[in-house]
Amino acid sequence: MQIATFGVWKVYRYDSVDSTQRVAADLVAAGATDRTAVVANRQTAGYGRKGDAWQDLPDSSLLVTLILKPSESSQMAHLAMVAALAVVDAIAEVGAVRACVKWPNDIIVNERKVGGILGDAVWRGDRLDALRLGIGLNIGGSHDAFARQSLPDATSIIAETGRDVQRDTLLASLLRRFTARQDWLLRGEIDQTVDLWRQSLGTIGRHVVVALHDHRMIHGVAHDVTRNGDLIVIADDGTRYEVTAAETRSLRHRDRIFRQTP
């Protein structure tokens, strides 16, 4: 393990870990401060929002968890939006390709998943101690390589752009852009943050199928999002739903066409 600094960030670097989220939890318990990052070359037990295994090709992914110390739990949703915007910005800067967000947390390039974002809170009783934002991005790997892993809809930045993208360059861009957008949020620019995140969503306006944990299925159009990031769906029968990420098991675009950000 190595410790470095990048701007306002303290960065812990590991060769291989079970999960950057788990390592971040240990660091929080040991007193990690705000704006600490955990970076690994490889994860052996990475996981996504639904607990699904996150499979990464060796030395071909950016695997990072950001440790944040928001003053109020209400800030968690907006910090997740900041992370998504920072990822989209960094991919555009380093890969020169437009990405969009499939609600709530998938990062999409050219209709394929290139990464995802996972938020986990650490509580001390009823008080929020820290927020861990895990970000996994596929930098390298061909479509054939992902298909052999039974991930036919996955892709990488290099596969989509043909550019020589370096992991540290992408990490530096991500941290820099996250810091700038978080500072903007801390100045009270909440509505502007939500609006920009809304514009980054490839889900708005799409025909979707939302599967909820209580086994309900909603078929309709993704109409909008709330200020807290919940998805507003107008069902085929005209019923209006506000769906949270926590109650959603999966979301599928029925036409499988993603709207790229302008």
C-alpha atoms as a PDB file:
ATOM      1  CA  MET A   1       0.000   0.000   0.000  1.00  0.00           C
ATOM      2  CA  GLN A   2       1.189   3.511  -0.853  1.00  0.00           C
ATOM      3  CA  ILE A   3      -0.157   6.858   0.328  1.00  0.00           C
ATOM      4  CA  ALA A   4      -0.070   9.901  -1.923  1.00  0.00           C
ATOM      5  CA  THR A   5      -1.803  13.227  -2.220  1.00  0.00           C
ATOM      6  CA  PHE A   6      -3.589  14.765  -5.170  1.00  0.00           C
ATOM      7  CA  GLY A   7      -4.745  18.290  -4.524  1.00  0.00           C
ATOM      8  CA  VAL A   8      -7.073  18.120  -1.517  1.00  0.00           C
ATOM      9  CA  TRP A   9      -7.280  14.301  -1.679  1.00  0.00           C
ATOM     10  CA  LYS A  10      -5.368  11.757   0.370  1.00  0.00           C
ATOM     11  CA  VAL A  11      -5.032   8.673  -1.836  1.00  0.00           C
ATOM     12  CA  TYR A  12      -4.396   5.129  -0.588  1.00  0.00           C
ATOM     13  CA  ARG A  13      -3.124   2.891  -3.397  1.00  0.00           C
ATOM     14  CA  TYR A  14      -3.267  -0.922  -3.288  1.00  0.00           C
ATOM     15  CA  ASP A  15      -2.255  -3.595  -5.749  1.00  0.00           C
ATOM     16  CA  SER A  16      -5.112  -5.987  -4.926  1.00  0.00           C
ATOM     17  CA  VAL A  17      -7.977  -5.794  -2.432  1.00  0.00           C
ATOM     18  CA  ASP A  18     -11.179  -7.700  -1.913  1.00  0.00           C
ATOM     19  CA  SER A  19     -13.169  -4.478  -2.326  1.00  0.00           C
ATOM     20  CA  THR A  20     -12.265  -0.801  -2.224  1.00  0.00           C
ATOM     21  CA  GLN A  21     -15.588  -0.249  -0.434  1.00  0.00           C
ATOM     22  CA  ARG A  22     -14.556  -2.645   2.341  1.00  0.00           C
ATOM     23  CA  VAL A  23     -11.106  -1.085   2.667  1.00  0.00           C
ATOM     24  CA  ALA A  24     -12.731   2.341   2.810  1.00  0.00           C
ATOM     25  CA  ALA A  25     -14.990   1.138   5.625  1.00  0.00           C
ATOM     26  CA  ASP A  26     -11.900   0.097   7.593  1.00  0.00           C
ATOM     27  CA  LEU A  27     -10.307   3.488   6.981  1.00  0.00           C
ATOM     28  CA  VAL A  28     -13.470   5.263   8.149  1.00  0.00           C
ATOM     29  CA  ALA A  29     -13.415   3.195  11.338  1.00  0.00           C
ATOM     30  CA  ALA A  30      -9.774   4.205  11.801  1.00  0.00           C
ATOM     31  CA  GLY A  31     -10.622   7.898  11.480  1.00  0.00           C
ATOM     32  CA  ALA A  32     -10.197   8.651   7.771  1.00  0.00           C
ATOM     33  CA  THR A  33     -10.853  12.281   6.950  1.00  0.00           C
ATOM     34  CA  ASP A  34     -13.055  13.883   4.311  1.00  0.00           C
ATOM     35  CA  ARG A  35     -11.808  13.546   0.731  1.00  0.00           C
ATOM     36  CA  THR A  36      -9.884  10.320   1.164  1.00  0.00           C
ATOM     37  CA  ALA A  37      -9.664   7.987  -1.835  1.00  0.00           C
ATOM     38  CA  VAL A  38      -8.953   4.251  -1.999  1.00  0.00           C
ATOM     39  CA  VAL A  39      -7.580   3.001  -5.324  1.00  0.00           C
ATOM     40  CA  ALA A  40      -6.786  -0.594  -6.319  1.00  0.00           C
ATOM     41  CA  ASN A  41      -5.381  -2.278  -9.402  1.00  0.00           C
ATOM     42  CA  ARG A  42      -7.608  -5.280  -8.840  1.00  0.00           C
ATOM     43  CA  GLN A  43     -10.587  -6.370  -6.738  1.00  0.00           C
ATOM     44  CA  THR A  44     -11.267  -9.987  -5.844  1.00  0.00           C
ATOM     45  CA  ALA A  45     -14.725  -9.421  -4.364  1.00  0.00           C
ATOM     46  CA  GLY A  46     -16.046  -6.195  -5.852  1.00  0.00           C
ATOM     47  CA  TYR A  47     -19.788  -5.683  -5.889  1.00  0.00           C
ATOM     48  CA  GLY A  48     -22.433  -3.411  -7.359  1.00  0.00           C
ATOM     49  CA  ARG A  49     -25.573  -1.667  -6.135  1.00  0.00           C
ATOM     50  CA  LYS A  50     -27.627  -4.871  -5.942  1.00  0.00           C
ATOM     51  CA  GLY A  51     -24.819  -6.895  -4.403  1.00  0.00           C
ATOM     52  CA  ASP A  52     -23.930  -8.404  -7.789  1.00  0.00           C
ATOM     53  CA  ALA A  53     -20.286  -9.274  -8.336  1.00  0.00           C
ATOM     54  CA  TRP A  54     -18.284  -6.597 -10.144  1.00  0.00           C
ATOM     55  CA  GLN A  55     -15.938  -8.336 -12.562  1.00  0.00           C
ATOM     56  CA  ASP A  56     -12.885  -6.414 -13.717  1.00  0.00           C
ATOM     57  CA  LEU A  57     -10.171  -7.425 -16.142  1.00  0.00           C
ATOM     58  CA  PRO A  58      -6.717  -7.411 -14.485  1.00  0.00           C
ATOM     59  CA  ASP A  59      -5.043  -3.988 -14.532  1.00  0.00           C
ATOM     60  CA  SER A  60      -7.692  -2.675 -16.947  1.00  0.00           C
ATOM     61  CA  SER A  61     -10.071  -0.775 -14.673  1.00  0.00           C
ATOM     62  CA  LEU A  62     -10.221   2.308 -12.521  1.00  0.00           C
ATOM     63  CA  LEU A  63     -11.404   1.047  -9.129  1.00  0.00           C
ATOM     64  CA  VAL A  64     -11.778   3.805  -6.551  1.00  0.00           C
ATOM     65  CA  THR A  65     -13.834   4.596  -3.477  1.00  0.00           C
ATOM     66  CA  LEU A  66     -14.205   8.187  -2.334  1.00  0.00           C
ATOM     67  CA  ILE A  67     -14.663   8.777   1.392  1.00  0.00           C
ATOM     68  CA  LEU A  68     -16.712  11.872   2.156  1.00  0.00           C
ATOM     69  CA  LYS A  69     -17.944  13.424   5.387  1.00  0.00           C
ATOM     70  CA  PRO A  70     -21.157  15.286   4.569  1.00  0.00           C
ATOM     71  CA  SER A  71     -22.610  17.324   7.393  1.00  0.00           C
ATOM     72  CA  GLU A  72     -26.142  16.056   6.729  1.00  0.00           C
ATOM     73  CA  SER A  73     -27.512  12.785   5.384  1.00  0.00           C
ATOM     74  CA  SER A  74     -29.681  14.765   2.942  1.00  0.00           C
ATOM     75  CA  GLN A  75     -26.492  15.562   1.003  1.00  0.00           C
ATOM     76  CA  MET A  76     -25.875  11.922   0.051  1.00  0.00           C
ATOM     77  CA  ALA A  77     -28.107  11.911  -3.033  1.00  0.00           C
ATOM     78  CA  HIS A  78     -26.567  15.109  -4.366  1.00  0.00           C
ATOM     79  CA  LEU A  79     -23.031  13.826  -3.791  1.00  0.00           C
ATOM     80  CA  ALA A  80     -23.917  10.737  -5.838  1.00  0.00           C
ATOM     81  CA  MET A  81     -25.037  13.106  -8.606  1.00  0.00           C
ATOM     82  CA  VAL A  82     -21.729  14.962  -8.315  1.00  0.00           C
ATOM     83  CA  ALA A  83     -19.880  11.645  -8.708  1.00  0.00           C
ATOM     84  CA  ALA A  84     -21.850  10.782 -11.859  1.00  0.00           C
ATOM     85  CA  LEU A  85     -21.185  14.203 -13.368  1.00  0.00           C
ATOM     86  CA  ALA A  86     -17.482  13.958 -12.515  1.00  0.00           C
ATOM     87  CA  VAL A  87     -17.280  10.552 -14.203  1.00  0.00           C
ATOM     88  CA  VAL A  88     -19.019  11.820 -17.346  1.00  0.00           C
ATOM     89  CA  ASP A  89     -16.714  14.866 -17.388  1.00  0.00           C
ATOM     90  CA  ALA A  90     -13.574  12.761 -16.902  1.00  0.00           C
ATOM     91  CA  ILE A  91     -14.502  10.315 -19.657  1.00  0.00           C
ATOM     92  CA  ALA A  92     -15.115  13.224 -22.023  1.00  0.00           C
ATOM     93  CA  GLU A  93     -11.783  14.820 -21.108  1.00  0.00           C
ATOM     94  CA  VAL A  94      -9.618  11.716 -21.269  1.00  0.00           C
ATOM     95  CA  GLY A  95     -11.494   9.574 -23.777  1.00  0.00           C
ATOM     96  CA  ALA A  96     -13.032  12.303 -25.935  1.00  0.00           C
ATOM     97  CA  VAL A  97     -16.327  10.429 -25.950  1.00  0.00           C
ATOM     98  CA  ARG A  98     -19.708  11.349 -24.515  1.00  0.00           C
ATOM     99  CA  ALA A  99     -21.082   9.190 -21.744  1.00  0.00           C
ATOM    100  CA  CYS A 100     -24.509   9.269 -20.155  1.00  0.00           C
ATOM    101  CA  VAL A 101     -26.052   7.892 -16.972  1.00  0.00           C
ATOM    102  CA  LYS A 102     -28.610   5.121 -16.976  1.00  0.00           C
ATOM    103  CA  TRP A 103     -30.652   5.780 -13.854  1.00  0.00           C
ATOM    104  CA  PRO A 104     -29.700   5.328 -11.128  1.00  0.00           C
ATOM    105  CA  ASN A 105     -25.987   4.514 -11.328  1.00  0.00           C
ATOM    106  CA  ASP A 106     -24.770   2.947 -14.587  1.00  0.00           C
ATOM    107  CA  ILE A 107     -22.367   4.810 -16.865  1.00  0.00           C
ATOM    108  CA  ILE A 108     -23.086   4.210 -20.542  1.00  0.00           C
ATOM    109  CA  VAL A 109     -21.034   4.825 -23.678  1.00  0.00           C
ATOM    110  CA  ASN A 110     -22.471   3.979 -27.096  1.00  0.00           C
ATOM    111  CA  GLU A 111     -25.322   1.963 -25.538  1.00  0.00           C
ATOM    112  CA  ARG A 112     -22.958  -0.249 -23.519  1.00  0.00           C
ATOM    113  CA  LYS A 113     -22.114  -0.163 -19.819  1.00  0.00           C
ATOM    114  CA  VAL A 114     -18.639   1.158 -19.127  1.00  0.00           C
ATOM    115  CA  GLY A 115     -18.960   1.493 -15.359  1.00  0.00           C
ATOM    116  CA  GLY A 116     -21.071   2.166 -12.327  1.00  0.00           C
ATOM    117  CA  ILE A 117     -21.302   4.068  -9.067  1.00  0.00           C
ATOM    118  CA  LEU A 118     -22.172   2.643  -5.654  1.00  0.00           C
ATOM    119  CA  GLY A 119     -23.019   4.644  -2.561  1.00  0.00           C
ATOM    120  CA  ASP A 120     -22.718   3.133   0.928  1.00  0.00           C
ATOM    121  CA  ALA A 121     -23.314   5.077   4.129  1.00  0.00           C
ATOM    122  CA  VAL A 122     -21.501   4.504   7.422  1.00  0.00           C
ATOM    123  CA  TRP A 123     -23.631   5.310  10.459  1.00  0.00           C
ATOM    124  CA  ARG A 124     -22.845   5.840  14.129  1.00  0.00           C
ATOM    125  CA  GLY A 125     -26.226   5.236  15.691  1.00  0.00           C
ATOM    126  CA  ASP A 126     -28.577   7.590  13.873  1.00  0.00           C
ATOM    127  CA  ARG A 127     -25.768   9.948  12.799  1.00  0.00           C
ATOM    128  CA  LEU A 128     -24.099   9.740   9.397  1.00  0.00           C
ATOM    129  CA  ASP A 129     -20.375   9.183   9.887  1.00  0.00           C
ATOM    130  CA  ALA A 130     -19.264   8.932   6.246  1.00  0.00           C
ATOM    131  CA  LEU A 131     -20.356   8.263   2.704  1.00  0.00           C
ATOM    132  CA  ARG A 132     -18.382   5.821   0.576  1.00  0.00           C
ATOM    133  CA  LEU A 133     -18.830   6.378  -3.155  1.00  0.00           C
ATOM    134  CA  GLY A 134     -17.429   3.437  -5.099  1.00  0.00           C
ATOM    135  CA  ILE A 135     -16.661   4.016  -8.778  1.00  0.00           C
ATOM    136  CA  GLY A 136     -15.691   1.277 -11.206  1.00  0.00           C
ATOM    137  CA  LEU A 137     -14.791   2.122 -14.809  1.00  0.00           C
ATOM    138  CA  ASN A 138     -13.594  -0.249 -17.523  1.00  0.00           C
ATOM    139  CA  ILE A 139     -10.597   1.380 -19.174  1.00  0.00           C
ATOM    140  CA  GLY A 140      -9.376  -1.558 -21.250  1.00  0.00           C
ATOM    141  CA  GLY A 141     -10.930  -4.749 -22.589  1.00  0.00           C
ATOM    142  CA  SER A 142     -12.537  -5.634 -25.914  1.00  0.00           C
ATOM    143  CA  HIS A 143     -16.163  -6.498 -26.590  1.00  0.00           C
ATOM    144  CA  ASP A 144     -15.080 -10.105 -27.147  1.00  0.00           C
ATOM    145  CA  ALA A 145     -13.293 -10.200 -23.798  1.00  0.00           C
ATOM    146  CA  PHE A 146     -16.411  -9.011 -21.969  1.00  0.00           C
ATOM    147  CA  ALA A 147     -18.579 -11.458 -23.905  1.00  0.00           C
ATOM    148  CA  ARG A 148     -16.321 -14.297 -22.726  1.00  0.00           C
ATOM    149  CA  GLN A 149     -17.063 -13.124 -19.172  1.00  0.00           C
ATOM    150  CA  SER A 150     -20.797 -13.350 -19.942  1.00  0.00           C
ATOM    151  CA  LEU A 151     -20.988  -9.547 -20.024  1.00  0.00           C
ATOM    152  CA  PRO A 152     -22.148  -8.933 -23.603  1.00  0.00           C
ATOM    153  CA  ASP A 153     -23.446  -5.417 -22.860  1.00  0.00           C
ATOM    154  CA  ALA A 154     -20.215  -4.230 -21.214  1.00  0.00           C
ATOM    155  CA  THR A 155     -17.525  -2.163 -22.863  1.00  0.00           C
ATOM    156  CA  SER A 156     -14.421  -0.120 -22.072  1.00  0.00           C
ATOM    157  CA  ILE A 157     -13.265   3.387 -22.823  1.00  0.00           C
ATOM    158  CA  ILE A 158     -10.472   2.104 -25.042  1.00  0.00           C
ATOM    159  CA  ALA A 159     -12.822  -0.226 -26.932  1.00  0.00           C
ATOM    160  CA  GLU A 160     -15.142   2.679 -27.716  1.00  0.00           C
ATOM    161  CA  THR A 161     -12.514   5.304 -28.515  1.00  0.00           C
ATOM    162  CA  GLY A 162      -9.342   3.546 -29.631  1.00  0.00           C
ATOM    163  CA  ARG A 163      -7.428   6.063 -27.513  1.00  0.00           C
ATOM    164  CA  ASP A 164      -4.525   5.213 -25.209  1.00  0.00           C
ATOM    165  CA  VAL A 165      -6.192   6.019 -21.887  1.00  0.00           C
ATOM    166  CA  GLN A 166      -4.002   5.838 -18.792  1.00  0.00           C
ATOM    167  CA  ARG A 167      -5.577   4.940 -15.455  1.00  0.00           C
ATOM    168  CA  ASP A 168      -3.785   7.645 -13.455  1.00  0.00           C
ATOM    169  CA  THR A 169      -4.778  10.279 -15.993  1.00  0.00           C
ATOM    170  CA  LEU A 170      -8.411   9.261 -15.677  1.00  0.00           C
ATOM    171  CA  LEU A 171      -8.150   9.192 -11.871  1.00  0.00           C
ATOM    172  CA  ALA A 172      -6.597  12.676 -11.780  1.00  0.00           C
ATOM    173  CA  SER A 173      -9.359  14.053 -13.990  1.00  0.00           C
ATOM    174  CA  LEU A 174     -12.054  12.380 -11.895  1.00  0.00           C
ATOM    175  CA  LEU A 175     -10.724  13.732  -8.578  1.00  0.00           C
ATOM    176  CA  ARG A 176     -10.218  17.216  -9.967  1.00  0.00           C
ATOM    177  CA  ARG A 177     -13.687  17.390 -11.481  1.00  0.00           C
ATOM    178  CA  PHE A 178     -15.352  15.879  -8.420  1.00  0.00           C
ATOM    179  CA  THR A 179     -13.691  18.486  -6.211  1.00  0.00           C
ATOM    180  CA  ALA A 180     -14.840  21.337  -8.428  1.00  0.00           C
ATOM    181  CA  ARG A 181     -18.416  20.122  -8.600  1.00  0.00           C
ATOM    182  CA  GLN A 182     -18.559  19.346  -4.875  1.00  0.00           C
ATOM    183  CA  ASP A 183     -17.288  22.837  -4.080  1.00  0.00           C
ATOM    184  CA  TRP A 184     -20.057  24.168  -6.312  1.00  0.00           C
ATOM    185  CA  LEU A 185     -22.574  22.091  -4.363  1.00  0.00           C
ATOM    186  CA  LEU A 186     -21.207  23.307  -1.027  1.00  0.00           C
ATOM    187  CA  ARG A 187     -21.805  26.882  -2.174  1.00  0.00           C
ATOM    188  CA  GLY A 188     -25.498  26.050  -2.365  1.00  0.00           C
ATOM    189  CA  GLU A 189     -25.819  25.299  -6.086  1.00  0.00           C
ATOM    190  CA  ILE A 190     -28.124  22.339  -5.485  1.00  0.00           C
ATOM    191  CA  ASP A 191     -30.727  23.017  -8.176  1.00  0.00           C
ATOM    192  CA  GLN A 192     -27.998  23.595 -10.752  1.00  0.00           C
ATOM    193  CA  THR A 193     -26.366  20.297  -9.791  1.00  0.00           C
ATOM    194  CA  VAL A 194     -29.661  18.441 -10.120  1.00  0.00           C
ATOM    195  CA  ASP A 195     -30.355  20.066 -13.489  1.00  0.00           C
ATOM    196  CA  LEU A 196     -26.948  19.089 -14.865  1.00  0.00           C
ATOM    197  CA  TRP A 197     -27.377  15.541 -13.574  1.00  0.00           C
ATOM    198  CA  ARG A 198     -30.833  15.410 -15.195  1.00  0.00           C
ATOM    199  CA  GLN A 199     -29.263  16.460 -18.500  1.00  0.00           C
ATOM    200  CA  SER A 200     -26.699  13.649 -18.192  1.00  0.00           C
ATOM    201  CA  LEU A 201     -29.381  10.970 -17.823  1.00  0.00           C
ATOM    202  CA  GLY A 202     -29.954   8.728 -20.819  1.00  0.00           C
ATOM    203  CA  THR A 203     -33.095   7.372 -19.177  1.00  0.00           C
ATOM    204  CA  ILE A 204     -35.359  10.432 -19.356  1.00  0.00           C
ATOM    205  CA  GLY A 205     -37.878  10.086 -22.171  1.00  0.00           C
ATOM    206  CA  ARG A 206     -37.237   6.365 -22.648  1.00  0.00           C
ATOM    207  CA  HIS A 207     -39.783   3.575 -22.414  1.00  0.00           C
ATOM    208  CA  VAL A 208     -38.733   1.588 -19.366  1.00  0.00           C
ATOM    209  CA  VAL A 209     -39.569  -1.452 -17.302  1.00  0.00           C
ATOM    210  CA  VAL A 210     -38.874  -0.950 -13.601  1.00  0.00           C
ATOM    211  CA  ALA A 211     -38.743  -4.031 -11.370  1.00  0.00           C
ATOM    212  CA  LEU A 212     -39.220  -3.245  -7.688  1.00  0.00           C
ATOM    213  CA  HIS A 213     -38.055  -5.315  -4.732  1.00  0.00           C
ATOM    214  CA  ASP A 214     -41.684  -5.926  -3.734  1.00  0.00           C
ATOM    215  CA  HIS A 215     -42.094  -7.759  -7.095  1.00  0.00           C
ATOM    216  CA  ARG A 216     -44.162  -5.019  -8.731  1.00  0.00           C
ATOM    217  CA  MET A 217     -43.336  -4.182 -12.349  1.00  0.00           C
ATOM    218  CA  ILE A 218     -43.889  -0.715 -13.787  1.00  0.00           C
ATOM    219  CA  HIS A 219     -44.100  -0.327 -17.562  1.00  0.00           C
ATOM    220  CA  GLY A 220     -44.073   3.253 -18.774  1.00  0.00           C
ATOM    221  CA  VAL A 221     -42.030   6.305 -19.738  1.00  0.00           C
ATOM    222  CA  ALA A 222     -39.292   7.795 -17.573  1.00  0.00           C
ATOM    223  CA  HIS A 223     -40.682  11.320 -17.357  1.00  0.00           C
ATOM    224  CA  ASP A 224     -38.330  13.175 -15.008  1.00  0.00           C
ATOM    225  CA  VAL A 225     -36.429  13.005 -11.712  1.00  0.00           C
ATOM    226  CA  THR A 226     -37.062  14.695  -8.381  1.00  0.00           C
ATOM    227  CA  ARG A 227     -34.674  17.032  -6.575  1.00  0.00           C
ATOM    228  CA  ASN A 228     -33.524  14.029  -4.499  1.00  0.00           C
ATOM    229  CA  GLY A 229     -32.864  11.865  -7.542  1.00  0.00           C
ATOM    230  CA  ASP A 230     -35.981   9.676  -7.518  1.00  0.00           C
ATOM    231  CA  LEU A 231     -37.267   8.624 -10.931  1.00  0.00           C
ATOM    232  CA  ILE A 232     -40.702   9.806 -12.049  1.00  0.00           C
ATOM    233  CA  VAL A 233     -42.373   7.231 -14.297  1.00  0.00           C
ATOM    234  CA  ILE A 234     -45.662   7.702 -16.093  1.00  0.00           C
ATOM    235  CA  ALA A 235     -47.033   4.178 -16.438  1.00  0.00           C
ATOM    236  CA  ASP A 236     -48.773   2.928 -19.551  1.00  0.00           C
ATOM    237  CA  ASP A 237     -52.117   3.303 -17.742  1.00  0.00           C
ATOM    238  CA  GLY A 238     -51.343   6.939 -16.855  1.00  0.00           C
ATOM    239  CA  THR A 239     -50.416   6.336 -13.210  1.00  0.00           C
ATOM    240  CA  ARG A 240     -47.581   8.525 -11.932  1.00  0.00           C
ATOM    241  CA  TYR A 241     -44.893   6.834  -9.829  1.00  0.00           C
ATOM    242  CA  GLU A 242     -41.917   8.247  -7.952  1.00  0.00           C
ATOM    243  CA  VAL A 243     -39.422   5.409  -7.650  1.00  0.00           C
ATOM    244  CA  THR A 244     -36.379   5.451  -5.380  1.00  0.00           C
ATOM    245  CA  ALA A 245     -33.117   3.676  -6.176  1.00  0.00           C
ATOM    246  CA  ALA A 246     -33.397   1.735  -2.902  1.00  0.00           C
ATOM    247  CA  GLU A 247     -36.709   0.145  -3.856  1.00  0.00           C
ATOM    248  CA  THR A 248     -35.649  -0.622  -7.431  1.00  0.00           C
ATOM    249  CA  ARG A 249     -34.288  -4.059  -8.276  1.00  0.00           C
ATOM    250  CA  SER A 250     -33.626  -3.269 -11.938  1.00  0.00           C
ATOM    251  CA  LEU A 251     -34.498  -0.868 -14.718  1.00  0.00           C
ATOM    252  CA  ARG A 252     -34.546  -1.841 -18.364  1.00  0.00           C
ATOM    253  CA  HIS A 253     -34.886   0.373 -21.406  1.00  0.00           C
ATOM    254  CA  ARG A 254     -37.454  -1.336 -23.584  1.00  0.00           C
ATOM    255  CA  ASP A 255     -35.976   0.009 -26.819  1.00  0.00           C
ATOM    256  CA  ARG A 256     -32.385  -0.330 -25.551  1.00  0.00           C
ATOM    257  CA  ILE A 257     -31.448   2.993 -27.132  1.00  0.00           C
ATOM    258  CA  PHE A 258     -29.659   5.468 -24.894  1.00  0.00           C
ATOM    259  CA  ARG A 259     -29.846   9.210 -25.444  1.00  0.00           C
ATOM    260  CA  GLN A 260     -26.360  10.636 -25.396  1.00  0.00           C
ATOM    261  CA  THR A 261     -25.774  13.960 -23.683  1.00  0.00           C
ATOM    262  CA  PRO A 262     -25.648  16.905 -26.085  1.00  0.00           C
END
